[in-house]
Each structure stands twice: as structure tokens, then as C-alpha cells.
Amino acid sequence: MEEATTLGVGCTPGIAMTSLLISEIGVNHNGDLGIAKKLIDMAKVCGSDFVKFQKRTIEISTPKTEWNRPRMWNGEIIPYIDYRAKVEFLKADYDEIAHYCKKQGVKWSASVWDEPSVDFIMQYANEIPWIKIPSAKLTDTSLLGKVLNTGLPMVLSTGMSTKEEVDTAVEYVSNMVTGSSLFHCHSAYPAPDCELNLRVIHSMQGDYDLPIGYSSHSVSPYPAIYAGVMGAKAVEVHITLDRTMEGSDHRASLEKKGLELLRRELDRIPLVMGDGEKRVWDSEVPARKKLRG
């Protein structure tokens, strides 16, 4: 792949670079701004390049067949649509998120699940460098077109998608906006190891003229590390204060220690991978003299 730009950051061909790290807060704030701020702080301390949220217009993005499905929340059984409302941040919340991220020096963005959510997030267009299309919406060409019209780069997530669906989405967007990226993903929460199929990253690198990243839903930081070794330009992981917290995504998220390990190992990849040229290092010379005479 020729020189590529992903998430607004240039990459030089042939030079190993550290993968960008996106810490997905998503809905793991549980509708609590205090928790959201703690997760932003955690992402910053652990060296994340971005934090990401999810924005929905719940009446649009939630199938009506799901509205009245019983959902346990805080010890009470409530309709699923009411649960979605409780964990959805509104304008005042996002104003505070934008202010807090700026104060902390943290870059942020969001996934958009419907067209009104695009308009909502574009209120912060001067602060967000890209918009993500979640895997569930990869085939929604109306939503793709709405985001294209913003002029912002897209991150396209490809979980639960066929090769043909990915081809269609890439063809739709690749010639219309620069800086967009394509992320391999598995959409189970958590995703089983035997289905992660990380070799898809190499397949995508050969098939598409876009920077390729990886969105992990694993309980472990290691698949994201392996993705970095395979050349993923960015990796995204869900983060949580505590994996046992109530909520749909916490079990597929990394706590602080896991996020710290991930950042550390991503940073080590260019160091340990080197440049591919076989040589005798100065540190080897004493052993060479001693053992070879």
C-alpha cells in the first residue's frame, strides 16, 4: 500500500510505526458523566491517542421489536428502550465531555448510529478529526452518504459483514473522502479467540487502498497487540473501570492494567521488529569473539 493517512496521522511507507490506540468508552459510562470522566482520565494515563463514544437517536437506532423487551438495570426490570435512554448522553453531557477532553488534552470522537446523530456530532466538528461507522451500519448507504457529506474522514468497522458487503462500502466511500480507514472486527461481545481471524488484516491490506486497523472485542489485550505486529495502523479496544460492572459491553473491555500493557507493547513493536536487515550488532561482538575465536 502506498503512503497512507489514517485518523489524520501520516504514515511513511517502509517504516515501522506504532499503531494508534483508540480507547472505546462507548456506553461503558452507564449514563454517568462521572464514570465517563474517569474513563477519559484512564485512557489518557495509559497513553491512548483517542477516546470514542457512541451516539444514537434511540427511537431510530433501536428496532421497535426490541423496545419492550425486559431489561434488568440497577436491580429493576425495565423496557429495553428505557434502558437505552438511561445510557444515552444528551447535548449538555456532550458539551461537558468536549470541555473535559479539551481540558485534559485528550482527542475524542464518536460512532454514529443514525442520520440525526451525524448532525448532533457535527456540532463538535471543530474538535473531532473523524467519525466512525459501526459494524451494524456498514451497509446503510444513506448513513454513509450523510457522513460523506460532512467531509470528515470515516472509520469503517466491518464486523458481521461479508466480503461483498465490505467491497460495496469501500467502493462507496474510498474515492469521495481522504483519510478514511477500514477496520477488521468481530461483533460478538466478547469475541471468541477461534473466530478472530486476524489474517483478514493482511487480506485487507492487499485488497483495499485504505489504511487497515483492528477493532477488538476480546477479553485480552493480546489480539490487539498481534494486530499491531501485523501492521494495523490503529487498534481500538473497549475500556472499563471494572469488567464486572452492569452493562452490555463491560465483559468485552479492558481494565486499566490491560490498557497499560497494550499501549506498552504497541510502542515496543517497531523496536523489536527492526528493519529486516541481517547484521552483527555491537552487543554481539564479545560473544562472537569468545565463541567463534
C-alpha atoms as a PDB file:
ATOM      1  CA  MET A   1       0.000   0.000   0.000  1.00  0.00           C
ATOM      2  CA  GLU A   2       1.311   3.457  -0.853  1.00  0.00           C
ATOM      3  CA  GLU A   3       1.696   6.242   1.656  1.00  0.00           C
ATOM      4  CA  ALA A   4      -1.419   6.211   3.825  1.00  0.00           C
ATOM      5  CA  THR A   5      -3.094   8.523   6.238  1.00  0.00           C
ATOM      6  CA  THR A   6      -5.298   7.156   8.983  1.00  0.00           C
ATOM      7  CA  LEU A   7      -7.207   9.127  11.582  1.00  0.00           C
ATOM      8  CA  GLY A   8      -5.411  12.267  10.480  1.00  0.00           C
ATOM      9  CA  VAL A   9      -1.896  10.904  11.046  1.00  0.00           C
ATOM     10  CA  GLY A  10       0.571  10.340   8.187  1.00  0.00           C
ATOM     11  CA  CYS A  11       2.457   7.047   7.845  1.00  0.00           C
ATOM     12  CA  THR A  12       5.724   6.689   5.932  1.00  0.00           C
ATOM     13  CA  PRO A  13       5.969   3.606   3.687  1.00  0.00           C
ATOM     14  CA  GLY A  14       8.529   1.027   4.730  1.00  0.00           C
ATOM     15  CA  ILE A  15       8.989   2.498   8.204  1.00  0.00           C
ATOM     16  CA  ALA A  16       7.535   0.611  11.173  1.00  0.00           C
ATOM     17  CA  MET A  17       5.303   2.897  13.207  1.00  0.00           C
ATOM     18  CA  THR A  18       3.463   2.460  16.467  1.00  0.00           C
ATOM     19  CA  SER A  19      -0.249   1.719  15.980  1.00  0.00           C
ATOM     20  CA  LEU A  20      -2.598   4.446  17.098  1.00  0.00           C
ATOM     21  CA  LEU A  21      -4.688   3.448  20.122  1.00  0.00           C
ATOM     22  CA  ILE A  22      -8.392   4.259  20.319  1.00  0.00           C
ATOM     23  CA  SER A  23      -9.978   3.692  23.722  1.00  0.00           C
ATOM     24  CA  GLU A  24     -13.655   2.998  23.140  1.00  0.00           C
ATOM     25  CA  ILE A  25     -15.698   4.292  26.070  1.00  0.00           C
ATOM     26  CA  GLY A  26     -18.873   3.618  24.109  1.00  0.00           C
ATOM     27  CA  VAL A  27     -21.690   3.194  26.625  1.00  0.00           C
ATOM     28  CA  ASN A  28     -19.455   1.886  29.416  1.00  0.00           C
ATOM     29  CA  HIS A  29     -20.076   5.178  31.205  1.00  0.00           C
ATOM     30  CA  ASN A  30     -23.523   3.720  32.055  1.00  0.00           C
ATOM     31  CA  GLY A  31     -25.077   7.159  31.574  1.00  0.00           C
ATOM     32  CA  ASP A  32     -22.918   8.675  34.320  1.00  0.00           C
ATOM     33  CA  LEU A  33     -20.687  11.660  33.467  1.00  0.00           C
ATOM     34  CA  GLY A  34     -18.517  10.939  36.486  1.00  0.00           C
ATOM     35  CA  ILE A  35     -17.715   7.478  35.136  1.00  0.00           C
ATOM     36  CA  ALA A  36     -17.113   8.949  31.671  1.00  0.00           C
ATOM     37  CA  LYS A  37     -14.541  11.380  33.075  1.00  0.00           C
ATOM     38  CA  LYS A  38     -12.774   8.599  34.963  1.00  0.00           C
ATOM     39  CA  LEU A  39     -12.554   6.606  31.729  1.00  0.00           C
ATOM     40  CA  ILE A  40     -11.176   9.634  29.877  1.00  0.00           C
ATOM     41  CA  ASP A  41      -8.562  10.014  32.623  1.00  0.00           C
ATOM     42  CA  MET A  42      -7.717   6.311  32.428  1.00  0.00           C
ATOM     43  CA  ALA A  43      -7.311   6.491  28.647  1.00  0.00           C
ATOM     44  CA  LYS A  44      -5.018   9.496  28.953  1.00  0.00           C
ATOM     45  CA  VAL A  45      -2.837   7.987  31.681  1.00  0.00           C
ATOM     46  CA  CYS A  46      -2.469   4.803  29.636  1.00  0.00           C
ATOM     47  CA  GLY A  47      -1.351   6.706  26.535  1.00  0.00           C
ATOM     48  CA  SER A  48      -4.399   6.426  24.288  1.00  0.00           C
ATOM     49  CA  ASP A  49      -4.425   8.584  21.171  1.00  0.00           C
ATOM     50  CA  PHE A  50      -8.223   8.972  21.159  1.00  0.00           C
ATOM     51  CA  VAL A  51     -11.284   8.200  23.246  1.00  0.00           C
ATOM     52  CA  LYS A  52     -14.506   7.330  21.471  1.00  0.00           C
ATOM     53  CA  PHE A  53     -18.165   7.436  22.404  1.00  0.00           C
ATOM     54  CA  GLN A  54     -21.326   6.169  20.684  1.00  0.00           C
ATOM     55  CA  LYS A  55     -24.212   8.449  19.660  1.00  0.00           C
ATOM     56  CA  ARG A  56     -27.697   7.170  18.970  1.00  0.00           C
ATOM     57  CA  THR A  57     -31.148   8.592  18.425  1.00  0.00           C
ATOM     58  CA  ILE A  58     -32.666   5.760  20.379  1.00  0.00           C
ATOM     59  CA  GLU A  59     -36.114   5.798  18.750  1.00  0.00           C
ATOM     60  CA  ILE A  60     -34.436   5.370  15.355  1.00  0.00           C
ATOM     61  CA  SER A  61     -31.488   3.126  16.108  1.00  0.00           C
ATOM     62  CA  THR A  62     -33.384   0.694  18.360  1.00  0.00           C
ATOM     63  CA  PRO A  63     -35.589  -1.763  16.428  1.00  0.00           C
ATOM     64  CA  LYS A  64     -39.204  -1.445  17.568  1.00  0.00           C
ATOM     65  CA  THR A  65     -39.307  -5.177  18.129  1.00  0.00           C
ATOM     66  CA  GLU A  66     -36.792  -4.597  20.942  1.00  0.00           C
ATOM     67  CA  TRP A  67     -38.453  -1.629  22.650  1.00  0.00           C
ATOM     68  CA  ASN A  68     -40.470  -3.603  25.188  1.00  0.00           C
ATOM     69  CA  ARG A  69     -38.042  -6.448  25.742  1.00  0.00           C
ATOM     70  CA  PRO A  70     -37.421  -6.750  29.505  1.00  0.00           C
ATOM     71  CA  ARG A  71     -34.006  -5.495  30.613  1.00  0.00           C
ATOM     72  CA  MET A  72     -32.561  -5.701  34.107  1.00  0.00           C
ATOM     73  CA  TRP A  73     -30.958  -2.407  35.119  1.00  0.00           C
ATOM     74  CA  ASN A  74     -29.906  -1.338  38.599  1.00  0.00           C
ATOM     75  CA  GLY A  75     -31.951  -4.129  40.165  1.00  0.00           C
ATOM     76  CA  GLU A  76     -35.110  -3.244  38.266  1.00  0.00           C
ATOM     77  CA  ILE A  77     -36.706  -4.797  35.179  1.00  0.00           C
ATOM     78  CA  ILE A  78     -37.453  -2.047  32.657  1.00  0.00           C
ATOM     79  CA  PRO A  79     -38.283  -1.935  28.909  1.00  0.00           C
ATOM     80  CA  TYR A  80     -35.185  -2.084  26.744  1.00  0.00           C
ATOM     81  CA  ILE A  81     -35.955   1.301  25.180  1.00  0.00           C
ATOM     82  CA  ASP A  82     -35.905   2.849  28.664  1.00  0.00           C
ATOM     83  CA  TYR A  83     -32.522   1.266  29.324  1.00  0.00           C
ATOM     84  CA  ARG A  84     -31.191   2.769  26.095  1.00  0.00           C
ATOM     85  CA  ALA A  85     -32.436   6.189  27.207  1.00  0.00           C
ATOM     86  CA  LYS A  86     -30.689   5.867  30.563  1.00  0.00           C
ATOM     87  CA  VAL A  87     -27.276   5.233  28.971  1.00  0.00           C
ATOM     88  CA  GLU A  88     -27.580   7.810  26.181  1.00  0.00           C
ATOM     89  CA  PHE A  89     -25.773  11.118  26.692  1.00  0.00           C
ATOM     90  CA  LEU A  90     -27.541  14.289  25.521  1.00  0.00           C
ATOM     91  CA  LYS A  91     -26.304  17.726  24.436  1.00  0.00           C
ATOM     92  CA  ALA A  92     -25.389  19.010  27.898  1.00  0.00           C
ATOM     93  CA  ASP A  93     -23.464  15.804  28.561  1.00  0.00           C
ATOM     94  CA  TYR A  94     -21.506  16.035  25.314  1.00  0.00           C
ATOM     95  CA  ASP A  95     -20.787  19.706  25.975  1.00  0.00           C
ATOM     96  CA  GLU A  96     -19.190  18.636  29.233  1.00  0.00           C
ATOM     97  CA  ILE A  97     -17.344  15.753  27.548  1.00  0.00           C
ATOM     98  CA  ALA A  98     -15.946  18.116  24.907  1.00  0.00           C
ATOM     99  CA  HIS A  99     -14.910  20.604  27.595  1.00  0.00           C
ATOM    100  CA  TYR A 100     -13.321  17.926  29.769  1.00  0.00           C
ATOM    101  CA  CYS A 101     -11.415  16.319  26.884  1.00  0.00           C
ATOM    102  CA  LYS A 102     -10.061  19.715  25.849  1.00  0.00           C
ATOM    103  CA  LYS A 103      -9.046  20.478  29.425  1.00  0.00           C
ATOM    104  CA  GLN A 104      -7.295  17.098  29.735  1.00  0.00           C
ATOM    105  CA  GLY A 105      -5.681  17.299  26.303  1.00  0.00           C
ATOM    106  CA  VAL A 106      -7.493  14.208  25.027  1.00  0.00           C
ATOM    107  CA  LYS A 107      -8.742  13.843  21.445  1.00  0.00           C
ATOM    108  CA  TRP A 108     -12.210  12.346  21.084  1.00  0.00           C
ATOM    109  CA  SER A 109     -14.717  11.165  18.509  1.00  0.00           C
ATOM    110  CA  ALA A 110     -17.834   9.016  18.235  1.00  0.00           C
ATOM    111  CA  SER A 111     -19.621   6.292  16.333  1.00  0.00           C
ATOM    112  CA  VAL A 112     -22.900   7.413  14.783  1.00  0.00           C
ATOM    113  CA  TRP A 113     -25.818   5.016  14.574  1.00  0.00           C
ATOM    114  CA  ASP A 114     -28.311   7.098  12.588  1.00  0.00           C
ATOM    115  CA  GLU A 115     -28.534  10.246  10.498  1.00  0.00           C
ATOM    116  CA  PRO A 116     -29.738  12.658  13.214  1.00  0.00           C
ATOM    117  CA  SER A 117     -26.749  11.538  15.284  1.00  0.00           C
ATOM    118  CA  VAL A 118     -24.469  12.741  12.484  1.00  0.00           C
ATOM    119  CA  ASP A 119     -25.991  16.230  12.777  1.00  0.00           C
ATOM    120  CA  PHE A 120     -25.615  16.014  16.547  1.00  0.00           C
ATOM    121  CA  ILE A 121     -21.927  15.073  16.456  1.00  0.00           C
ATOM    122  CA  MET A 122     -21.192  17.689  13.794  1.00  0.00           C
ATOM    123  CA  GLN A 123     -21.927  20.325  16.432  1.00  0.00           C
ATOM    124  CA  TYR A 124     -18.406  19.405  17.581  1.00  0.00           C
ATOM    125  CA  ALA A 125     -16.881  19.314  14.088  1.00  0.00           C
ATOM    126  CA  ASN A 126     -14.006  21.580  15.081  1.00  0.00           C
ATOM    127  CA  GLU A 127     -12.957  19.107  17.767  1.00  0.00           C
ATOM    128  CA  ILE A 128     -13.379  15.661  16.225  1.00  0.00           C
ATOM    129  CA  PRO A 129     -10.965  14.514  13.465  1.00  0.00           C
ATOM    130  CA  TRP A 130     -13.094  11.630  12.126  1.00  0.00           C
ATOM    131  CA  ILE A 131     -16.420   9.819  12.515  1.00  0.00           C
ATOM    132  CA  LYS A 132     -16.853   6.080  12.907  1.00  0.00           C
ATOM    133  CA  ILE A 133     -19.437   3.925  11.161  1.00  0.00           C
ATOM    134  CA  PRO A 134     -20.178   0.977  13.474  1.00  0.00           C
ATOM    135  CA  SER A 135     -20.240  -2.523  12.051  1.00  0.00           C
ATOM    136  CA  ALA A 136     -24.024  -2.696  12.391  1.00  0.00           C
ATOM    137  CA  LYS A 137     -24.373   0.218   9.963  1.00  0.00           C
ATOM    138  CA  LEU A 138     -21.761  -0.687   7.331  1.00  0.00           C
ATOM    139  CA  THR A 139     -24.478  -1.476   4.770  1.00  0.00           C
ATOM    140  CA  ASP A 140     -26.536   1.665   5.497  1.00  0.00           C
ATOM    141  CA  THR A 141     -25.633   3.676   2.399  1.00  0.00           C
ATOM    142  CA  SER A 142     -27.911   6.529   3.460  1.00  0.00           C
ATOM    143  CA  LEU A 143     -25.918   6.928   6.669  1.00  0.00           C
ATOM    144  CA  LEU A 144     -22.627   6.567   4.778  1.00  0.00           C
ATOM    145  CA  GLY A 145     -23.734   9.311   2.406  1.00  0.00           C
ATOM    146  CA  LYS A 146     -24.699  11.563   5.293  1.00  0.00           C
ATOM    147  CA  VAL A 147     -21.254  11.186   6.849  1.00  0.00           C
ATOM    148  CA  LEU A 148     -19.558  11.642   3.465  1.00  0.00           C
ATOM    149  CA  ASN A 149     -21.281  14.996   3.127  1.00  0.00           C
ATOM    150  CA  THR A 150     -19.620  16.199   6.335  1.00  0.00           C
ATOM    151  CA  GLY A 151     -16.215  15.991   4.661  1.00  0.00           C
ATOM    152  CA  LEU A 152     -14.717  14.301   7.714  1.00  0.00           C
ATOM    153  CA  PRO A 153     -12.737  11.059   7.312  1.00  0.00           C
ATOM    154  CA  MET A 154     -14.568   7.850   8.187  1.00  0.00           C
ATOM    155  CA  VAL A 155     -13.506   4.811  10.137  1.00  0.00           C
ATOM    156  CA  LEU A 156     -15.473   1.866   8.752  1.00  0.00           C
ATOM    157  CA  SER A 157     -15.860  -1.129  11.055  1.00  0.00           C
ATOM    158  CA  THR A 158     -16.550  -4.449   9.340  1.00  0.00           C
ATOM    159  CA  GLY A 159     -17.812  -6.880  11.986  1.00  0.00           C
ATOM    160  CA  MET A 160     -20.650  -9.262  10.997  1.00  0.00           C
ATOM    161  CA  SER A 161     -20.053  -8.381   7.321  1.00  0.00           C
ATOM    162  CA  THR A 162     -19.390 -10.430   4.207  1.00  0.00           C
ATOM    163  CA  LYS A 163     -16.502  -9.670   1.864  1.00  0.00           C
ATOM    164  CA  GLU A 164     -19.032  -8.426  -0.695  1.00  0.00           C
ATOM    165  CA  GLU A 165     -20.570  -6.016   1.827  1.00  0.00           C
ATOM    166  CA  VAL A 166     -17.145  -4.644   2.699  1.00  0.00           C
ATOM    167  CA  ASP A 167     -16.307  -4.262  -1.001  1.00  0.00           C
ATOM    168  CA  THR A 168     -19.504  -2.277  -1.562  1.00  0.00           C
ATOM    169  CA  ALA A 169     -18.880   0.048   1.378  1.00  0.00           C
ATOM    170  CA  VAL A 170     -15.260   0.677   0.377  1.00  0.00           C
ATOM    171  CA  GLU A 171     -16.239   1.376  -3.225  1.00  0.00           C
ATOM    172  CA  TYR A 172     -18.882   3.805  -1.989  1.00  0.00           C
ATOM    173  CA  VAL A 173     -16.543   5.883   0.161  1.00  0.00           C
ATOM    174  CA  SER A 174     -12.945   5.412  -0.980  1.00  0.00           C
ATOM    175  CA  ASN A 175     -12.988   7.867  -3.882  1.00  0.00           C
ATOM    176  CA  MET A 176     -15.019  10.523  -2.089  1.00  0.00           C
ATOM    177  CA  VAL A 177     -13.150  11.424   1.105  1.00  0.00           C
ATOM    178  CA  THR A 178      -9.481  11.257   2.002  1.00  0.00           C
ATOM    179  CA  GLY A 179      -8.123   9.906   5.243  1.00  0.00           C
ATOM    180  CA  SER A 180     -10.719   7.179   5.762  1.00  0.00           C
ATOM    181  CA  SER A 181      -9.767   3.809   7.283  1.00  0.00           C
ATOM    182  CA  LEU A 182     -11.105   0.250   7.297  1.00  0.00           C
ATOM    183  CA  PHE A 183     -11.124  -1.833  10.495  1.00  0.00           C
ATOM    184  CA  HIS A 184     -11.285  -5.607  10.750  1.00  0.00           C
ATOM    185  CA  CYS A 185     -13.669  -6.566  13.554  1.00  0.00           C
ATOM    186  CA  HIS A 186     -15.668  -9.426  15.100  1.00  0.00           C
ATOM    187  CA  SER A 187     -19.020  -8.331  16.508  1.00  0.00           C
ATOM    188  CA  ALA A 188     -19.552 -10.792  19.361  1.00  0.00           C
ATOM    189  CA  TYR A 189     -19.109  -9.358  22.876  1.00  0.00           C
ATOM    190  CA  PRO A 190     -16.733 -10.871  23.838  1.00  0.00           C
ATOM    191  CA  ALA A 191     -15.354 -12.360  20.620  1.00  0.00           C
ATOM    192  CA  PRO A 192     -14.066 -15.983  20.791  1.00  0.00           C
ATOM    193  CA  ASP A 193     -10.365 -16.406  20.005  1.00  0.00           C
ATOM    194  CA  CYS A 194     -11.003 -19.095  17.410  1.00  0.00           C
ATOM    195  CA  GLU A 195     -13.063 -16.670  15.314  1.00  0.00           C
ATOM    196  CA  LEU A 196     -10.882 -13.530  15.467  1.00  0.00           C
ATOM    197  CA  ASN A 197      -9.239 -14.462  12.144  1.00  0.00           C
ATOM    198  CA  LEU A 198      -6.569 -11.775  12.328  1.00  0.00           C
ATOM    199  CA  ARG A 199      -5.158 -12.835   8.960  1.00  0.00           C
ATOM    200  CA  VAL A 200      -8.043 -10.836   7.498  1.00  0.00           C
ATOM    201  CA  ILE A 201      -5.896  -7.788   8.313  1.00  0.00           C
ATOM    202  CA  HIS A 202      -3.304  -8.968   5.779  1.00  0.00           C
ATOM    203  CA  SER A 203      -6.052  -9.782   3.265  1.00  0.00           C
ATOM    204  CA  MET A 204      -7.492  -6.287   3.638  1.00  0.00           C
ATOM    205  CA  GLN A 205      -4.049  -4.723   3.282  1.00  0.00           C
ATOM    206  CA  GLY A 206      -3.775  -6.420  -0.108  1.00  0.00           C
ATOM    207  CA  ASP A 207      -7.354  -5.855  -1.248  1.00  0.00           C
ATOM    208  CA  TYR A 208      -8.018  -2.214  -0.354  1.00  0.00           C
ATOM    209  CA  ASP A 209      -6.171   1.043  -0.902  1.00  0.00           C
ATOM    210  CA  LEU A 210      -7.065   2.229   2.591  1.00  0.00           C
ATOM    211  CA  PRO A 211      -5.208   2.119   5.917  1.00  0.00           C
ATOM    212  CA  ILE A 212      -6.306  -1.014   7.782  1.00  0.00           C
ATOM    213  CA  GLY A 213      -6.967  -1.096  11.508  1.00  0.00           C
ATOM    214  CA  TYR A 214      -8.431  -3.515  14.016  1.00  0.00           C
ATOM    215  CA  SER A 215     -11.355  -3.142  16.404  1.00  0.00           C
ATOM    216  CA  SER A 216     -11.077  -5.676  19.234  1.00  0.00           C
ATOM    217  CA  HIS A 217     -13.871  -7.125  21.325  1.00  0.00           C
ATOM    218  CA  SER A 218     -11.595  -9.610  23.072  1.00  0.00           C
ATOM    219  CA  VAL A 219     -11.272 -10.043  26.831  1.00  0.00           C
ATOM    220  CA  SER A 220      -7.489  -9.911  26.323  1.00  0.00           C
ATOM    221  CA  PRO A 221      -5.181  -7.126  25.094  1.00  0.00           C
ATOM    222  CA  TYR A 222      -3.098  -9.592  23.090  1.00  0.00           C
ATOM    223  CA  PRO A 223      -5.175  -9.804  19.863  1.00  0.00           C
ATOM    224  CA  ALA A 224      -4.842  -6.020  19.518  1.00  0.00           C
ATOM    225  CA  ILE A 225      -1.082  -6.377  20.070  1.00  0.00           C
ATOM    226  CA  TYR A 226      -0.911  -9.088  17.405  1.00  0.00           C
ATOM    227  CA  ALA A 227      -2.844  -6.774  15.070  1.00  0.00           C
ATOM    228  CA  GLY A 228      -0.188  -4.135  15.665  1.00  0.00           C
ATOM    229  CA  VAL A 229       2.527  -6.639  14.752  1.00  0.00           C
ATOM    230  CA  MET A 230       0.596  -7.376  11.549  1.00  0.00           C
ATOM    231  CA  GLY A 231       0.746  -3.729  10.594  1.00  0.00           C
ATOM    232  CA  ALA A 232      -2.623  -2.407  11.754  1.00  0.00           C
ATOM    233  CA  LYS A 233      -2.378   1.395  11.574  1.00  0.00           C
ATOM    234  CA  ALA A 234      -4.716   1.752  14.544  1.00  0.00           C
ATOM    235  CA  VAL A 235      -6.293  -0.552  17.110  1.00  0.00           C
ATOM    236  CA  GLU A 236      -9.460   0.086  19.048  1.00  0.00           C
ATOM    237  CA  VAL A 237     -10.418  -1.553  22.342  1.00  0.00           C
ATOM    238  CA  HIS A 238     -13.335  -1.054  24.695  1.00  0.00           C
ATOM    239  CA  ILE A 239     -12.311   0.137  28.146  1.00  0.00           C
ATOM    240  CA  THR A 240     -13.984  -0.116  31.536  1.00  0.00           C
ATOM    241  CA  LEU A 241     -13.282   0.764  35.142  1.00  0.00           C
ATOM    242  CA  ASP A 242     -14.387  -2.721  36.185  1.00  0.00           C
ATOM    243  CA  ARG A 243     -15.283  -5.653  33.949  1.00  0.00           C
ATOM    244  CA  THR A 244     -17.922  -6.802  36.441  1.00  0.00           C
ATOM    245  CA  MET A 245     -19.953  -3.585  36.167  1.00  0.00           C
ATOM    246  CA  GLU A 246     -23.532  -3.820  34.955  1.00  0.00           C
ATOM    247  CA  GLY A 247     -23.892  -3.124  31.250  1.00  0.00           C
ATOM    248  CA  SER A 248     -23.683  -4.795  27.858  1.00  0.00           C
ATOM    249  CA  ASP A 249     -20.041  -4.134  26.871  1.00  0.00           C
ATOM    250  CA  HIS A 250     -18.009  -4.310  30.086  1.00  0.00           C
ATOM    251  CA  ARG A 251     -17.150  -8.019  29.742  1.00  0.00           C
ATOM    252  CA  ALA A 252     -15.523  -7.371  26.344  1.00  0.00           C
ATOM    253  CA  SER A 253     -13.483  -4.416  27.636  1.00  0.00           C
ATOM    254  CA  LEU A 254     -10.023  -3.837  29.074  1.00  0.00           C
ATOM    255  CA  GLU A 255      -9.420  -2.554  32.555  1.00  0.00           C
ATOM    256  CA  LYS A 256      -6.526  -0.204  33.297  1.00  0.00           C
ATOM    257  CA  LYS A 257      -3.824  -2.877  33.589  1.00  0.00           C
ATOM    258  CA  GLY A 258      -4.799  -4.392  30.263  1.00  0.00           C
ATOM    259  CA  LEU A 259      -4.822  -0.997  28.557  1.00  0.00           C
ATOM    260  CA  GLU A 260      -1.414  -0.142  30.022  1.00  0.00           C
ATOM    261  CA  LEU A 261       0.003  -3.434  28.747  1.00  0.00           C
ATOM    262  CA  LEU A 262      -1.487  -2.840  25.296  1.00  0.00           C
ATOM    263  CA  ARG A 263      -0.004   0.647  24.979  1.00  0.00           C
ATOM    264  CA  ARG A 264       3.404  -0.522  26.188  1.00  0.00           C
ATOM    265  CA  GLU A 265       3.574  -3.433  23.765  1.00  0.00           C
ATOM    266  CA  LEU A 266       2.291  -1.432  20.791  1.00  0.00           C
ATOM    267  CA  ASP A 267       5.098   1.029  21.415  1.00  0.00           C
ATOM    268  CA  ARG A 268       7.664  -1.799  21.516  1.00  0.00           C
ATOM    269  CA  ILE A 269       6.646  -3.287  18.161  1.00  0.00           C
ATOM    270  CA  PRO A 270       8.773  -1.003  15.916  1.00  0.00           C
ATOM    271  CA  LEU A 271      11.719  -1.526  18.266  1.00  0.00           C
ATOM    272  CA  VAL A 272      11.600  -5.330  18.234  1.00  0.00           C
ATOM    273  CA  MET A 273      10.609  -5.696  14.570  1.00  0.00           C
ATOM    274  CA  GLY A 274      13.574  -3.657  13.307  1.00  0.00           C
ATOM    275  CA  ASP A 275      14.348  -3.004   9.649  1.00  0.00           C
ATOM    276  CA  GLY A 276      14.782  -6.552   8.337  1.00  0.00           C
ATOM    277  CA  GLU A 277      18.472  -6.193   7.508  1.00  0.00           C
ATOM    278  CA  LYS A 278      20.657  -9.013   8.896  1.00  0.00           C
ATOM    279  CA  ARG A 279      23.741  -7.690  10.675  1.00  0.00           C
ATOM    280  CA  VAL A 280      26.108  -8.357  13.581  1.00  0.00           C
ATOM    281  CA  TRP A 281      25.297  -5.950  16.406  1.00  0.00           C
ATOM    282  CA  ASP A 282      27.960  -4.381  18.600  1.00  0.00           C
ATOM    283  CA  SER A 283      26.420  -6.116  21.595  1.00  0.00           C
ATOM    284  CA  GLU A 284      27.042  -9.483  19.880  1.00  0.00           C
ATOM    285  CA  VAL A 285      30.743  -8.877  19.187  1.00  0.00           C
ATOM    286  CA  PRO A 286      32.072 -10.116  22.564  1.00  0.00           C
ATOM    287  CA  ALA A 287      30.130 -13.364  22.243  1.00  0.00           C
ATOM    288  CA  ARG A 288      31.226 -13.731  18.631  1.00  0.00           C
ATOM    289  CA  LYS A 289      34.903 -13.336  19.586  1.00  0.00           C
ATOM    290  CA  LYS A 290      34.588 -15.697  22.530  1.00  0.00           C
ATOM    291  CA  LEU A 291      32.570 -18.445  20.862  1.00  0.00           C
ATOM    292  CA  ARG A 292      33.988 -18.322  17.314  1.00  0.00           C
ATOM    293  CA  GLY A 293      37.588 -17.465  18.149  1.00  0.00           C
END
